[in-house]
Protein backbone atom coordinates (compact mmCIF):
# COMPACT_ATOMS: atom_id res chain seq x y z
CA MET A 1 47.02 29.46 -1.53
CA ALA A 2 45.40 30.02 1.67
CA GLU A 3 46.56 29.64 5.27
CA ILE A 4 44.35 28.36 8.17
CA LYS A 5 44.84 30.35 11.37
CA THR A 6 43.53 29.70 14.86
CA LEU A 7 42.84 32.47 17.17
CA ASP A 8 43.33 32.66 20.73
CA CYS A 9 39.58 32.12 21.32
CA GLY A 10 39.48 29.03 19.14
CA CYS A 11 38.23 30.49 16.03
CA GLU A 12 39.58 29.16 12.86
CA ILE A 13 39.88 31.36 9.99
CA ILE A 14 41.11 31.08 6.37
CA VAL A 15 43.43 33.78 5.17
CA ALA A 16 43.72 33.92 1.46
CA THR A 17 46.85 35.18 -0.41
CA ASN A 18 45.06 38.38 -1.45
CA GLY A 19 44.35 39.08 2.25
CA SER A 20 40.72 38.33 2.32
CA VAL A 21 39.65 36.40 5.57
CA MET A 22 36.80 34.06 5.94
CA LEU A 23 35.60 32.58 9.35
CA THR A 24 35.32 28.81 9.10
CA TYR A 25 34.79 27.50 12.50
CA CYS A 26 34.03 29.12 16.07
CA PRO A 27 33.08 26.90 18.92
CA LEU A 28 32.71 30.00 21.19
CA HIS A 29 31.40 32.68 18.91
CA LYS A 30 29.07 31.02 16.37
CA SER A 31 27.31 34.10 15.60
CA ALA A 32 30.42 36.29 15.89
CA PRO A 33 29.88 37.96 12.56
CA ASP A 34 26.26 38.93 13.25
CA LEU A 35 27.38 40.32 16.67
CA TYR A 36 30.36 42.23 15.14
CA GLU A 37 27.90 44.02 12.70
CA ALA A 38 25.30 44.61 15.40
CA CYS A 39 28.13 46.21 17.50
CA LYS A 40 29.11 48.48 14.67
CA ALA A 41 25.51 49.48 13.94
CA GLN A 42 24.91 50.25 17.66
CA HIS A 43 28.07 52.23 17.77
CA GLU A 44 26.95 54.42 14.95
CA ALA A 45 23.62 54.96 16.43
CA ILE A 46 25.15 56.03 19.68
CA ASP A 47 27.41 58.45 17.79
CA ILE A 48 24.31 60.00 15.97
CA LEU A 49 22.44 60.17 19.21
CA PHE A 50 25.26 61.96 20.86
CA ALA A 51 25.27 64.44 18.02
CA MET A 52 21.57 65.05 18.31
CA LEU A 53 22.07 65.95 21.96
CA ILE A 54 24.95 68.33 21.18
CA ILE A 55 22.61 70.01 18.82
CA LYS A 56 19.91 70.43 21.34
CA ASP A 57 22.18 71.28 24.23
CA LYS A 58 25.34 73.14 23.60
CA THR A 59 26.56 72.38 27.07
CA PHE A 60 26.34 68.61 26.37
CA PHE A 61 29.73 66.93 26.14
CA PRO A 62 29.55 63.14 25.65
CA SER A 63 32.92 62.51 27.33
CA LYS A 64 31.38 63.95 30.42
CA SER A 65 28.34 61.82 30.31
CA GLY A 66 29.62 59.10 32.42
CA ILE A 67 28.31 55.52 31.70
CA PRO A 68 27.03 56.15 28.24
CA TRP A 69 30.57 57.50 27.20
CA GLU A 70 32.46 54.64 28.93
CA ALA A 71 30.21 52.22 27.12
CA THR A 72 30.91 53.73 23.72
CA VAL A 73 34.56 53.77 24.52
CA LYS A 74 34.47 50.16 25.46
CA GLY A 75 32.43 49.28 22.41
CA TYR A 76 34.81 51.09 20.02
CA GLN A 77 37.67 49.17 21.45
CA VAL A 78 35.97 45.85 20.76
CA ILE A 79 35.11 46.58 17.44
CA SER A 80 38.64 47.77 16.43
CA LYS A 81 40.17 44.53 18.06
CA VAL A 82 37.82 42.29 16.29
CA ALA A 83 38.33 44.29 12.94
CA LYS A 84 42.17 43.76 13.32
CA GLU A 85 41.51 39.85 13.75
CA LEU A 86 39.28 39.68 10.62
């Protein structure tokens, strides 16, 4: 048995009894799965770049980098939120 849920944004998802989820309709987010995967990949790339900077410059602290750090934090929050909805 499966249950159809409508999210606040209008997305319709099917939740199976085993917990798997499938996005079936999304008027606002037609490319939502692709965007989600792209955001995860970009977040991982930023983490790697921060690590590379730390190796090159021991005085570099990502959390003190300003806009790059703020963007990373916001991206992580969105990725986490979407992951909970999926």
